[in-house]
Amino acid sequence: MTDLVCDHDRKRTKPMNTQLQIHATPYRQFPLRLTHDLADELDRIAKRTRINKTTISRIAIQKFIAEIERTGADEVLDGVCAV
């Protein structure tokens, strides 16, 4: 499996287990407001994995959308809201 995280997104690359579609096209920006705890966790993960926070967020959103499309929005959102 190939590594779909670009070299500029990660200082040291290694193969990922999940296939994600990250394209080299211009991105659109939008504000994303996080709680302090979630922002701190994102900072820790970014430092540990050496993947920037934008890429981690993009991967998480892609996986979440894929899960909604695969299982249906009601089931996924019920599970997320129960957390």
N, C-alpha and C. Protein backbone atom coordinates (compact mmCIF):
# COMPACT_ATOMS: atom_id res chain seq x y z
N MET A 1 0.85 -1.17 0.00
CA MET A 1 0.00 0.00 0.00
C MET A 1 0.90 1.24 0.00
N THR A 2 0.51 2.26 -0.73
CA THR A 2 1.33 3.46 -0.80
C THR A 2 0.94 4.44 0.27
N ASP A 3 1.87 5.30 0.60
CA ASP A 3 1.64 6.33 1.62
C ASP A 3 0.99 7.53 0.94
N LEU A 4 -0.22 7.87 1.35
CA LEU A 4 -0.94 8.97 0.73
C LEU A 4 -0.77 10.28 1.46
N VAL A 5 0.03 10.31 2.52
CA VAL A 5 0.36 11.56 3.19
C VAL A 5 1.60 12.10 2.49
N CYS A 6 1.51 13.30 1.95
CA CYS A 6 2.62 13.87 1.19
C CYS A 6 3.82 14.12 2.08
N ASP A 7 5.02 14.15 1.48
CA ASP A 7 6.23 14.39 2.23
C ASP A 7 6.20 15.72 2.97
N HIS A 8 5.57 16.73 2.38
CA HIS A 8 5.52 18.02 3.06
C HIS A 8 4.55 18.00 4.24
N ASP A 9 3.66 17.02 4.30
CA ASP A 9 2.72 16.89 5.41
C ASP A 9 3.32 16.11 6.57
N ARG A 10 4.35 15.36 6.31
CA ARG A 10 4.94 14.52 7.34
C ARG A 10 6.44 14.47 7.15
N LYS A 11 7.20 14.74 8.16
CA LYS A 11 8.66 14.79 8.04
C LYS A 11 9.25 13.42 7.74
N ARG A 12 8.73 12.40 8.37
CA ARG A 12 9.22 11.03 8.17
C ARG A 12 8.01 10.19 7.77
N THR A 13 8.02 9.66 6.56
CA THR A 13 6.85 8.94 6.08
C THR A 13 7.01 7.44 6.26
N LYS A 14 5.90 6.77 6.46
CA LYS A 14 5.87 5.31 6.45
C LYS A 14 4.48 4.92 5.96
N PRO A 15 4.31 3.72 5.43
CA PRO A 15 3.02 3.33 4.86
C PRO A 15 1.89 3.39 5.90
N MET A 16 0.73 3.81 5.43
CA MET A 16 -0.46 3.85 6.27
C MET A 16 -1.31 2.62 5.97
N ASN A 17 -2.11 2.19 6.93
CA ASN A 17 -2.95 1.02 6.75
C ASN A 17 -4.27 1.34 6.05
N THR A 18 -4.66 2.60 6.02
CA THR A 18 -5.94 3.00 5.46
C THR A 18 -5.71 3.80 4.19
N GLN A 19 -6.47 3.52 3.17
CA GLN A 19 -6.34 4.27 1.93
C GLN A 19 -7.23 5.50 2.01
N LEU A 20 -6.63 6.66 1.90
CA LEU A 20 -7.36 7.92 1.94
C LEU A 20 -7.05 8.70 0.67
N GLN A 21 -7.98 9.51 0.25
CA GLN A 21 -7.79 10.30 -0.95
C GLN A 21 -7.42 11.73 -0.57
N ILE A 22 -6.13 12.03 -0.63
CA ILE A 22 -5.64 13.39 -0.39
C ILE A 22 -5.06 13.87 -1.71
N HIS A 23 -5.71 14.84 -2.31
CA HIS A 23 -5.34 15.30 -3.63
C HIS A 23 -4.47 16.56 -3.55
N ALA A 24 -3.65 16.75 -4.56
CA ALA A 24 -2.78 17.92 -4.62
C ALA A 24 -3.49 19.06 -5.35
N THR A 25 -4.74 19.31 -5.01
CA THR A 25 -5.49 20.40 -5.60
C THR A 25 -5.63 21.51 -4.57
N PRO A 26 -5.94 22.72 -5.00
CA PRO A 26 -6.12 23.81 -4.02
C PRO A 26 -7.22 23.47 -3.02
N TYR A 27 -6.99 23.81 -1.79
CA TYR A 27 -7.94 23.52 -0.72
C TYR A 27 -8.77 24.74 -0.40
N ARG A 28 -9.97 24.51 0.07
CA ARG A 28 -10.82 25.58 0.58
C ARG A 28 -10.69 25.59 2.09
N GLN A 29 -10.69 26.77 2.67
CA GLN A 29 -10.54 26.89 4.11
C GLN A 29 -11.88 27.21 4.75
N PHE A 30 -12.03 26.77 5.99
CA PHE A 30 -13.18 27.15 6.79
C PHE A 30 -12.75 27.13 8.25
N PRO A 31 -13.37 27.97 9.08
CA PRO A 31 -12.97 27.99 10.49
C PRO A 31 -13.43 26.73 11.20
N LEU A 32 -12.58 26.20 12.04
CA LEU A 32 -12.89 25.01 12.81
C LEU A 32 -12.61 25.34 14.26
N ARG A 33 -13.64 25.40 15.07
CA ARG A 33 -13.49 25.75 16.48
C ARG A 33 -13.45 24.47 17.30
N LEU A 34 -12.40 24.33 18.10
CA LEU A 34 -12.20 23.15 18.92
C LEU A 34 -12.16 23.55 20.39
N THR A 35 -12.59 22.63 21.24
CA THR A 35 -12.43 22.87 22.67
C THR A 35 -10.94 22.85 22.99
N HIS A 36 -10.56 23.40 24.13
CA HIS A 36 -9.15 23.41 24.52
C HIS A 36 -8.61 21.99 24.62
N ASP A 37 -9.40 21.09 25.20
CA ASP A 37 -8.95 19.70 25.35
C ASP A 37 -8.70 19.04 24.00
N LEU A 38 -9.63 19.23 23.06
CA LEU A 38 -9.48 18.63 21.73
C LEU A 38 -8.29 19.25 20.99
N ALA A 39 -8.11 20.55 21.10
CA ALA A 39 -6.97 21.21 20.46
C ALA A 39 -5.65 20.71 21.04
N ASP A 40 -5.61 20.53 22.36
CA ASP A 40 -4.40 20.01 22.99
C ASP A 40 -4.10 18.59 22.54
N GLU A 41 -5.14 17.78 22.43
CA GLU A 41 -4.96 16.40 21.95
C GLU A 41 -4.46 16.40 20.51
N LEU A 42 -5.02 17.25 19.67
CA LEU A 42 -4.57 17.36 18.28
C LEU A 42 -3.10 17.79 18.23
N ASP A 43 -2.71 18.74 19.08
CA ASP A 43 -1.30 19.15 19.15
C ASP A 43 -0.40 17.97 19.51
N ARG A 44 -0.80 17.18 20.52
CA ARG A 44 0.01 16.04 20.95
C ARG A 44 0.15 15.00 19.84
N ILE A 45 -0.95 14.72 19.16
CA ILE A 45 -0.91 13.73 18.09
C ILE A 45 -0.05 14.22 16.93
N ALA A 46 -0.17 15.50 16.59
CA ALA A 46 0.63 16.06 15.50
C ALA A 46 2.12 15.98 15.82
N LYS A 47 2.49 16.27 17.04
CA LYS A 47 3.90 16.18 17.42
C LYS A 47 4.38 14.73 17.40
N ARG A 48 3.56 13.82 17.94
CA ARG A 48 3.96 12.42 18.01
C ARG A 48 4.10 11.79 16.63
N THR A 49 3.16 12.08 15.73
CA THR A 49 3.17 11.46 14.40
C THR A 49 3.95 12.24 13.37
N ARG A 50 4.26 13.50 13.70
CA ARG A 50 4.93 14.41 12.75
C ARG A 50 4.09 14.65 11.51
N ILE A 51 2.79 14.62 11.69
CA ILE A 51 1.84 14.98 10.62
C ILE A 51 1.18 16.28 11.06
N ASN A 52 1.10 17.26 10.16
CA ASN A 52 0.55 18.54 10.58
C ASN A 52 -0.94 18.43 10.91
N LYS A 53 -1.43 19.38 11.70
CA LYS A 53 -2.81 19.34 12.21
C LYS A 53 -3.83 19.43 11.09
N THR A 54 -3.53 20.15 10.03
CA THR A 54 -4.45 20.24 8.89
C THR A 54 -4.66 18.88 8.26
N THR A 55 -3.58 18.14 8.05
CA THR A 55 -3.68 16.83 7.43
C THR A 55 -4.42 15.85 8.34
N ILE A 56 -4.11 15.88 9.64
CA ILE A 56 -4.82 15.01 10.58
C ILE A 56 -6.31 15.32 10.56
N SER A 57 -6.66 16.59 10.57
CA SER A 57 -8.07 16.99 10.55
C SER A 57 -8.75 16.57 9.25
N ARG A 58 -8.05 16.74 8.14
CA ARG A 58 -8.60 16.35 6.84
C ARG A 58 -8.86 14.85 6.80
N ILE A 59 -7.90 14.04 7.30
CA ILE A 59 -8.06 12.59 7.32
C ILE A 59 -9.25 12.20 8.19
N ALA A 60 -9.36 12.82 9.37
CA ALA A 60 -10.47 12.51 10.28
C ALA A 60 -11.81 12.84 9.65
N ILE A 61 -11.90 13.97 8.99
CA ILE A 61 -13.17 14.37 8.35
C ILE A 61 -13.50 13.43 7.20
N GLN A 62 -12.48 13.05 6.41
CA GLN A 62 -12.71 12.11 5.30
C GLN A 62 -13.23 10.78 5.82
N LYS A 63 -12.62 10.28 6.89
CA LYS A 63 -13.06 9.00 7.46
C LYS A 63 -14.48 9.11 8.02
N PHE A 64 -14.80 10.22 8.68
CA PHE A 64 -16.12 10.43 9.24
C PHE A 64 -17.18 10.49 8.14
N ILE A 65 -16.90 11.22 7.07
CA ILE A 65 -17.83 11.30 5.95
C ILE A 65 -18.01 9.93 5.29
N ALA A 66 -16.92 9.19 5.11
CA ALA A 66 -17.01 7.86 4.51
C ALA A 66 -17.86 6.95 5.38
N GLU A 67 -17.72 7.05 6.70
CA GLU A 67 -18.52 6.23 7.62
C GLU A 67 -20.01 6.60 7.52
N ILE A 68 -20.30 7.88 7.42
CA ILE A 68 -21.69 8.32 7.27
C ILE A 68 -22.27 7.76 5.97
N GLU A 69 -21.50 7.85 4.89
CA GLU A 69 -22.00 7.35 3.60
C GLU A 69 -22.16 5.83 3.61
N ARG A 70 -21.28 5.14 4.32
CA ARG A 70 -21.32 3.68 4.33
C ARG A 70 -22.47 3.14 5.20
N THR A 71 -22.67 3.74 6.37
CA THR A 71 -23.65 3.19 7.31
C THR A 71 -24.94 3.98 7.40
N GLY A 72 -24.93 5.19 6.89
CA GLY A 72 -26.11 6.03 7.00
C GLY A 72 -25.91 7.07 8.10
N ALA A 73 -26.36 8.26 7.86
CA ALA A 73 -26.11 9.39 8.76
C ALA A 73 -26.71 9.19 10.14
N ASP A 74 -27.91 8.68 10.22
CA ASP A 74 -28.58 8.56 11.52
C ASP A 74 -27.78 7.71 12.49
N GLU A 75 -27.32 6.54 12.05
CA GLU A 75 -26.60 5.62 12.92
C GLU A 75 -25.28 6.24 13.38
N VAL A 76 -24.53 6.84 12.44
CA VAL A 76 -23.24 7.44 12.78
C VAL A 76 -23.42 8.62 13.72
N LEU A 77 -24.33 9.51 13.41
CA LEU A 77 -24.53 10.69 14.24
C LEU A 77 -25.07 10.35 15.61
N ASP A 78 -25.93 9.33 15.70
CA ASP A 78 -26.40 8.87 17.01
C ASP A 78 -25.24 8.39 17.85
N GLY A 79 -24.31 7.66 17.23
CA GLY A 79 -23.14 7.16 17.94
C GLY A 79 -22.21 8.28 18.38
N VAL A 80 -22.02 9.27 17.54
CA VAL A 80 -21.14 10.40 17.88
C VAL A 80 -21.76 11.25 18.98
N CYS A 81 -23.05 11.51 18.87
CA CYS A 81 -23.72 12.35 19.86
C CYS A 81 -23.82 11.67 21.22
N ALA A 82 -23.72 10.35 21.25
CA ALA A 82 -23.81 9.62 22.52
C ALA A 82 -22.50 9.70 23.30
N VAL A 83 -21.41 10.12 22.65
CA VAL A 83 -20.09 10.16 23.31
C VAL A 83 -20.05 11.24 24.35
